[in-house]
Amino acid sequence: MAELKYEPVSHDHEAFLKKANEREGFRKAYDNLEEEYHLVREMLSARSKSGLTQEAVAELMGTTKSAVSRLEAAGRHAPSLTTLKKYAQAVGCHLEIKLVPKSCPTSQSSGSAKKRAAR
C-alpha cells in the first residue's frame, strides 16, 4: 500500500466567521451548533497531530473516507459513541466525555436530589 502524505488545507476561521456573521440568521445557527463545532475542531486537531489523512483514518476505522468526512462536518451527522471511540483510537487518542455543571444551578436542584446523589 502506498503511503499517503497529509497536507492540511489552510483555513482562517476568524476571517470565515467575520464574513459569515454578515449573513442573516448565521449567528443563531452557529451558536446552536457550538458544541458540535468544538468537537469537530478537536477531531481535526487530533487528526492533524497524528499526520493522517481522512483515507488513512477511514482504513484504521474500517470505514470509508466519506464516512470520516461526515464525522468531521459539524451539524451534518450525529455519530455514535462507538464511532467516536473508533475515530479517537485511529488518531492515537482516547475519547473522554464529561458532564460539566452549568454556571448557575437550576431551580430543579432539590435536597431530595442531593440525597439520592449521595447514596
N, C-alpha and C. Protein backbone atom coordinates (compact mmCIF):
# COMPACT_ATOMS: atom_id res chain seq x y z
N MET A 1 0.84 -1.18 0.00
CA MET A 1 0.00 0.00 0.00
C MET A 1 0.89 1.24 0.00
N ALA A 2 0.55 2.20 -0.82
CA ALA A 2 1.32 3.45 -0.91
C ALA A 2 1.08 4.30 0.33
N GLU A 3 2.12 4.92 0.81
CA GLU A 3 2.00 5.79 1.98
C GLU A 3 1.40 7.12 1.55
N LEU A 4 0.39 7.56 2.29
CA LEU A 4 -0.26 8.82 1.99
C LEU A 4 0.34 9.92 2.85
N LYS A 5 0.60 11.06 2.24
CA LYS A 5 1.16 12.17 2.99
C LYS A 5 0.05 13.18 3.27
N TYR A 6 -0.04 13.58 4.52
CA TYR A 6 -1.08 14.52 4.93
C TYR A 6 -0.58 15.94 4.77
N GLU A 7 -1.34 16.74 4.01
CA GLU A 7 -1.03 18.16 3.84
C GLU A 7 -2.30 18.95 4.15
N PRO A 8 -2.36 19.53 5.36
CA PRO A 8 -3.59 20.24 5.74
C PRO A 8 -3.86 21.46 4.85
N VAL A 9 -5.14 21.71 4.64
CA VAL A 9 -5.57 22.88 3.88
C VAL A 9 -5.65 24.04 4.86
N SER A 10 -5.06 25.17 4.51
CA SER A 10 -5.10 26.31 5.43
C SER A 10 -6.53 26.86 5.50
N HIS A 11 -6.88 27.31 6.68
CA HIS A 11 -8.23 27.84 6.90
C HIS A 11 -8.14 28.94 7.96
N ASP A 12 -8.58 30.13 7.62
CA ASP A 12 -8.60 31.24 8.56
C ASP A 12 -10.01 31.30 9.14
N HIS A 13 -10.19 30.65 10.29
CA HIS A 13 -11.52 30.53 10.88
C HIS A 13 -12.08 31.89 11.28
N GLU A 14 -11.24 32.76 11.81
CA GLU A 14 -11.71 34.09 12.21
C GLU A 14 -12.23 34.88 11.02
N ALA A 15 -11.52 34.82 9.89
CA ALA A 15 -11.97 35.52 8.69
C ALA A 15 -13.28 34.92 8.18
N PHE A 16 -13.37 33.59 8.25
CA PHE A 16 -14.61 32.92 7.84
C PHE A 16 -15.78 33.40 8.69
N LEU A 17 -15.60 33.42 10.02
CA LEU A 17 -16.67 33.84 10.91
C LEU A 17 -17.07 35.29 10.68
N LYS A 18 -16.09 36.14 10.46
CA LYS A 18 -16.38 37.56 10.24
C LYS A 18 -17.28 37.74 9.01
N LYS A 19 -16.94 37.05 7.94
CA LYS A 19 -17.74 37.16 6.72
C LYS A 19 -19.11 36.48 6.90
N ALA A 20 -19.11 35.31 7.53
CA ALA A 20 -20.36 34.56 7.69
C ALA A 20 -21.34 35.29 8.61
N ASN A 21 -20.83 36.01 9.61
CA ASN A 21 -21.70 36.73 10.54
C ASN A 21 -22.53 37.82 9.86
N GLU A 22 -22.14 38.20 8.66
CA GLU A 22 -22.89 39.20 7.91
C GLU A 22 -24.20 38.63 7.36
N ARG A 23 -24.26 37.30 7.27
CA ARG A 23 -25.47 36.66 6.75
C ARG A 23 -26.55 36.58 7.82
N GLU A 24 -27.77 36.85 7.42
CA GLU A 24 -28.89 36.81 8.35
C GLU A 24 -29.10 35.40 8.90
N GLY A 25 -29.24 35.31 10.20
CA GLY A 25 -29.51 34.03 10.84
C GLY A 25 -28.28 33.18 11.13
N PHE A 26 -27.12 33.60 10.62
CA PHE A 26 -25.92 32.78 10.80
C PHE A 26 -25.54 32.65 12.27
N ARG A 27 -25.49 33.75 12.99
CA ARG A 27 -25.01 33.73 14.38
C ARG A 27 -25.85 32.77 15.24
N LYS A 28 -27.17 32.83 15.08
CA LYS A 28 -28.04 31.95 15.87
C LYS A 28 -27.78 30.49 15.51
N ALA A 29 -27.69 30.19 14.23
CA ALA A 29 -27.44 28.81 13.80
C ALA A 29 -26.07 28.34 14.28
N TYR A 30 -25.07 29.19 14.20
CA TYR A 30 -23.71 28.84 14.64
C TYR A 30 -23.69 28.59 16.14
N ASP A 31 -24.33 29.47 16.90
CA ASP A 31 -24.37 29.30 18.35
C ASP A 31 -25.07 28.01 18.75
N ASN A 32 -26.11 27.63 18.01
CA ASN A 32 -26.82 26.39 18.30
C ASN A 32 -25.95 25.15 18.06
N LEU A 33 -24.92 25.29 17.26
CA LEU A 33 -24.02 24.17 16.94
C LEU A 33 -22.67 24.30 17.65
N GLU A 34 -22.59 25.14 18.67
CA GLU A 34 -21.31 25.41 19.34
C GLU A 34 -20.60 24.14 19.80
N GLU A 35 -21.32 23.24 20.46
CA GLU A 35 -20.69 22.02 20.96
C GLU A 35 -20.20 21.14 19.81
N GLU A 36 -21.00 21.05 18.74
CA GLU A 36 -20.59 20.24 17.59
C GLU A 36 -19.34 20.82 16.94
N TYR A 37 -19.29 22.15 16.80
CA TYR A 37 -18.10 22.78 16.21
C TYR A 37 -16.87 22.54 17.09
N HIS A 38 -17.05 22.59 18.39
CA HIS A 38 -15.93 22.34 19.30
C HIS A 38 -15.41 20.91 19.11
N LEU A 39 -16.32 19.95 19.04
CA LEU A 39 -15.92 18.56 18.83
C LEU A 39 -15.19 18.40 17.49
N VAL A 40 -15.71 19.01 16.46
CA VAL A 40 -15.07 18.90 15.14
C VAL A 40 -13.66 19.50 15.17
N ARG A 41 -13.50 20.66 15.83
CA ARG A 41 -12.16 21.25 15.93
C ARG A 41 -11.21 20.31 16.67
N GLU A 42 -11.69 19.66 17.72
CA GLU A 42 -10.88 18.68 18.46
C GLU A 42 -10.49 17.52 17.56
N MET A 43 -11.44 17.02 16.78
CA MET A 43 -11.17 15.89 15.90
C MET A 43 -10.16 16.27 14.83
N LEU A 44 -10.34 17.43 14.20
CA LEU A 44 -9.42 17.86 13.15
C LEU A 44 -8.02 18.09 13.71
N SER A 45 -7.95 18.65 14.91
CA SER A 45 -6.65 18.87 15.55
C SER A 45 -5.95 17.54 15.84
N ALA A 46 -6.69 16.58 16.35
CA ALA A 46 -6.12 15.27 16.65
C ALA A 46 -5.65 14.58 15.38
N ARG A 47 -6.44 14.67 14.31
CA ARG A 47 -6.03 14.04 13.05
C ARG A 47 -4.80 14.72 12.49
N SER A 48 -4.77 16.05 12.58
CA SER A 48 -3.61 16.80 12.09
C SER A 48 -2.35 16.41 12.85
N LYS A 49 -2.46 16.34 14.19
CA LYS A 49 -1.30 15.96 15.01
C LYS A 49 -0.83 14.55 14.70
N SER A 50 -1.76 13.67 14.33
CA SER A 50 -1.39 12.30 14.02
C SER A 50 -0.77 12.18 12.63
N GLY A 51 -0.96 13.22 11.81
CA GLY A 51 -0.40 13.21 10.45
C GLY A 51 -1.15 12.31 9.49
N LEU A 52 -2.39 11.99 9.81
CA LEU A 52 -3.16 11.06 8.98
C LEU A 52 -4.13 11.80 8.07
N THR A 53 -4.39 11.20 6.93
CA THR A 53 -5.41 11.71 6.01
C THR A 53 -6.75 11.10 6.41
N GLN A 54 -7.83 11.63 5.84
CA GLN A 54 -9.14 11.02 6.07
C GLN A 54 -9.15 9.58 5.57
N GLU A 55 -8.47 9.33 4.46
CA GLU A 55 -8.40 7.98 3.92
C GLU A 55 -7.72 7.03 4.90
N ALA A 56 -6.62 7.48 5.51
CA ALA A 56 -5.89 6.63 6.45
C ALA A 56 -6.72 6.37 7.70
N VAL A 57 -7.41 7.41 8.20
CA VAL A 57 -8.27 7.23 9.37
C VAL A 57 -9.40 6.25 9.03
N ALA A 58 -9.97 6.40 7.86
CA ALA A 58 -11.05 5.50 7.43
C ALA A 58 -10.58 4.06 7.41
N GLU A 59 -9.40 3.83 6.88
CA GLU A 59 -8.85 2.47 6.82
C GLU A 59 -8.67 1.90 8.23
N LEU A 60 -8.13 2.71 9.13
CA LEU A 60 -7.93 2.26 10.52
C LEU A 60 -9.26 1.99 11.23
N MET A 61 -10.29 2.73 10.86
CA MET A 61 -11.61 2.55 11.47
C MET A 61 -12.42 1.45 10.80
N GLY A 62 -11.99 1.03 9.63
CA GLY A 62 -12.75 0.03 8.88
C GLY A 62 -13.98 0.63 8.22
N THR A 63 -13.82 1.86 7.73
CA THR A 63 -14.94 2.56 7.08
C THR A 63 -14.44 3.27 5.83
N THR A 64 -15.21 4.20 5.33
CA THR A 64 -14.85 4.92 4.10
C THR A 64 -14.42 6.35 4.40
N LYS A 65 -13.72 6.95 3.44
CA LYS A 65 -13.31 8.34 3.57
C LYS A 65 -14.54 9.24 3.70
N SER A 66 -15.59 8.94 2.97
CA SER A 66 -16.79 9.79 3.04
C SER A 66 -17.42 9.72 4.43
N ALA A 67 -17.34 8.58 5.10
CA ALA A 67 -17.86 8.47 6.46
C ALA A 67 -17.04 9.34 7.41
N VAL A 68 -15.72 9.34 7.24
CA VAL A 68 -14.86 10.19 8.07
C VAL A 68 -15.14 11.66 7.78
N SER A 69 -15.35 11.99 6.52
CA SER A 69 -15.68 13.36 6.14
C SER A 69 -16.96 13.81 6.83
N ARG A 70 -17.97 12.95 6.88
CA ARG A 70 -19.23 13.29 7.56
C ARG A 70 -18.99 13.49 9.06
N LEU A 71 -18.13 12.67 9.65
CA LEU A 71 -17.82 12.82 11.08
C LEU A 71 -17.20 14.18 11.36
N GLU A 72 -16.40 14.66 10.43
CA GLU A 72 -15.67 15.91 10.61
C GLU A 72 -16.44 17.13 10.13
N ALA A 73 -17.73 16.98 9.89
CA ALA A 73 -18.57 18.08 9.42
C ALA A 73 -19.64 18.37 10.47
N ALA A 74 -19.53 19.47 11.17
CA ALA A 74 -20.46 19.83 12.25
C ALA A 74 -21.88 19.98 11.73
N GLY A 75 -22.81 19.44 12.51
CA GLY A 75 -24.22 19.64 12.21
C GLY A 75 -24.81 18.75 11.15
N ARG A 76 -23.99 17.92 10.52
CA ARG A 76 -24.50 17.09 9.44
C ARG A 76 -24.68 15.64 9.85
N HIS A 77 -24.12 15.28 11.00
CA HIS A 77 -24.14 13.87 11.40
C HIS A 77 -24.05 13.79 12.91
N ALA A 78 -24.75 12.86 13.51
CA ALA A 78 -24.69 12.63 14.95
C ALA A 78 -24.07 11.25 15.18
N PRO A 79 -22.75 11.18 15.31
CA PRO A 79 -22.08 9.88 15.42
C PRO A 79 -22.37 9.20 16.76
N SER A 80 -22.28 7.89 16.75
CA SER A 80 -22.46 7.12 17.98
C SER A 80 -21.18 7.18 18.80
N LEU A 81 -21.29 6.80 20.07
CA LEU A 81 -20.10 6.74 20.92
C LEU A 81 -19.10 5.73 20.38
N THR A 82 -19.60 4.63 19.86
CA THR A 82 -18.71 3.61 19.29
C THR A 82 -17.90 4.19 18.14
N THR A 83 -18.55 4.95 17.28
CA THR A 83 -17.85 5.57 16.14
C THR A 83 -16.83 6.58 16.62
N LEU A 84 -17.19 7.40 17.60
CA LEU A 84 -16.24 8.38 18.14
C LEU A 84 -15.05 7.69 18.79
N LYS A 85 -15.29 6.57 19.47
CA LYS A 85 -14.19 5.81 20.07
C LYS A 85 -13.24 5.26 18.99
N LYS A 86 -13.81 4.75 17.90
CA LYS A 86 -13.00 4.23 16.80
C LYS A 86 -12.17 5.35 16.18
N TYR A 87 -12.78 6.51 16.00
CA TYR A 87 -12.06 7.66 15.43
C TYR A 87 -10.91 8.04 16.36
N ALA A 88 -11.21 8.17 17.66
CA ALA A 88 -10.17 8.54 18.63
C ALA A 88 -9.01 7.56 18.60
N GLN A 89 -9.32 6.27 18.58
CA GLN A 89 -8.27 5.25 18.54
C GLN A 89 -7.45 5.38 17.25
N ALA A 90 -8.12 5.62 16.13
CA ALA A 90 -7.43 5.73 14.84
C ALA A 90 -6.43 6.89 14.82
N VAL A 91 -6.74 7.99 15.52
CA VAL A 91 -5.85 9.16 15.52
C VAL A 91 -4.95 9.19 16.75
N GLY A 92 -4.90 8.06 17.46
CA GLY A 92 -3.98 7.94 18.58
C GLY A 92 -4.43 8.63 19.86
N CYS A 93 -5.73 8.69 20.07
CA CYS A 93 -6.29 9.35 21.26
C CYS A 93 -7.25 8.40 21.96
N HIS A 94 -7.72 8.82 23.11
CA HIS A 94 -8.85 8.13 23.75
C HIS A 94 -9.97 9.15 23.88
N LEU A 95 -11.18 8.65 23.88
CA LEU A 95 -12.36 9.52 23.96
C LEU A 95 -12.69 9.79 25.41
N GLU A 96 -12.89 11.04 25.73
CA GLU A 96 -13.27 11.44 27.09
C GLU A 96 -14.52 12.30 26.99
N ILE A 97 -15.57 11.86 27.65
CA ILE A 97 -16.83 12.60 27.66
C ILE A 97 -17.15 12.95 29.10
N LYS A 98 -17.53 14.19 29.32
CA LYS A 98 -17.85 14.57 30.69
C LYS A 98 -19.04 15.51 30.71
N LEU A 99 -19.73 15.50 31.83
CA LEU A 99 -20.84 16.43 32.05
C LEU A 99 -20.30 17.57 32.91
N VAL A 100 -20.49 18.79 32.43
CA VAL A 100 -20.00 19.97 33.12
C VAL A 100 -21.19 20.74 33.66
N PRO A 101 -21.21 21.00 34.98
CA PRO A 101 -22.34 21.74 35.55
C PRO A 101 -22.46 23.13 34.91
N LYS A 102 -23.67 23.58 34.75
CA LYS A 102 -23.91 24.94 34.28
C LYS A 102 -23.44 25.90 35.35
N SER A 103 -23.11 27.12 34.97
CA SER A 103 -22.60 28.08 35.95
C SER A 103 -23.64 28.43 37.00
N CYS A 104 -24.90 28.50 36.62
CA CYS A 104 -25.96 28.83 37.58
C CYS A 104 -26.76 27.57 37.85
N PRO A 105 -26.86 27.18 39.13
CA PRO A 105 -27.68 26.00 39.44
C PRO A 105 -29.14 26.25 39.07
N THR A 106 -29.79 25.22 38.61
CA THR A 106 -31.20 25.37 38.23
C THR A 106 -32.08 25.24 39.45
N SER A 107 -33.29 25.70 39.34
CA SER A 107 -34.24 25.63 40.46
C SER A 107 -34.69 24.19 40.68
N GLN A 108 -34.38 23.29 39.74
CA GLN A 108 -34.78 21.90 39.89
C GLN A 108 -33.91 21.16 40.90
N SER A 109 -32.76 21.74 41.27
CA SER A 109 -31.92 21.11 42.27
C SER A 109 -32.66 21.16 43.59
N SER A 110 -32.80 20.01 44.20
CA SER A 110 -33.52 19.97 45.46
C SER A 110 -32.75 19.14 46.46
N GLY A 111 -33.13 19.25 47.70
CA GLY A 111 -32.50 18.46 48.74
C GLY A 111 -32.64 16.98 48.47
N SER A 112 -33.80 16.54 47.96
CA SER A 112 -34.01 15.11 47.72
C SER A 112 -33.10 14.61 46.60
N ALA A 113 -32.84 15.44 45.60
CA ALA A 113 -31.93 15.04 44.51
C ALA A 113 -30.52 14.91 45.05
N LYS A 114 -30.15 15.82 45.94
CA LYS A 114 -28.81 15.75 46.54
C LYS A 114 -28.68 14.50 47.41
N LYS A 115 -29.76 14.15 48.12
CA LYS A 115 -29.74 12.95 48.97
C LYS A 115 -29.58 11.70 48.11
N ARG A 116 -30.29 11.66 46.96
CA ARG A 116 -30.18 10.50 46.07
C ARG A 116 -28.77 10.39 45.52
N ALA A 117 -28.16 11.51 45.18
CA ALA A 117 -26.81 11.50 44.63
C ALA A 117 -25.79 11.06 45.66
N ALA A 118 -26.06 11.32 46.94
CA ALA A 118 -25.13 10.97 48.00
C ALA A 118 -25.14 9.47 48.31
N ARG A 119 -26.16 8.77 47.92
CA ARG A 119 -26.28 7.32 48.21
C ARG A 119 -25.26 6.50 47.51
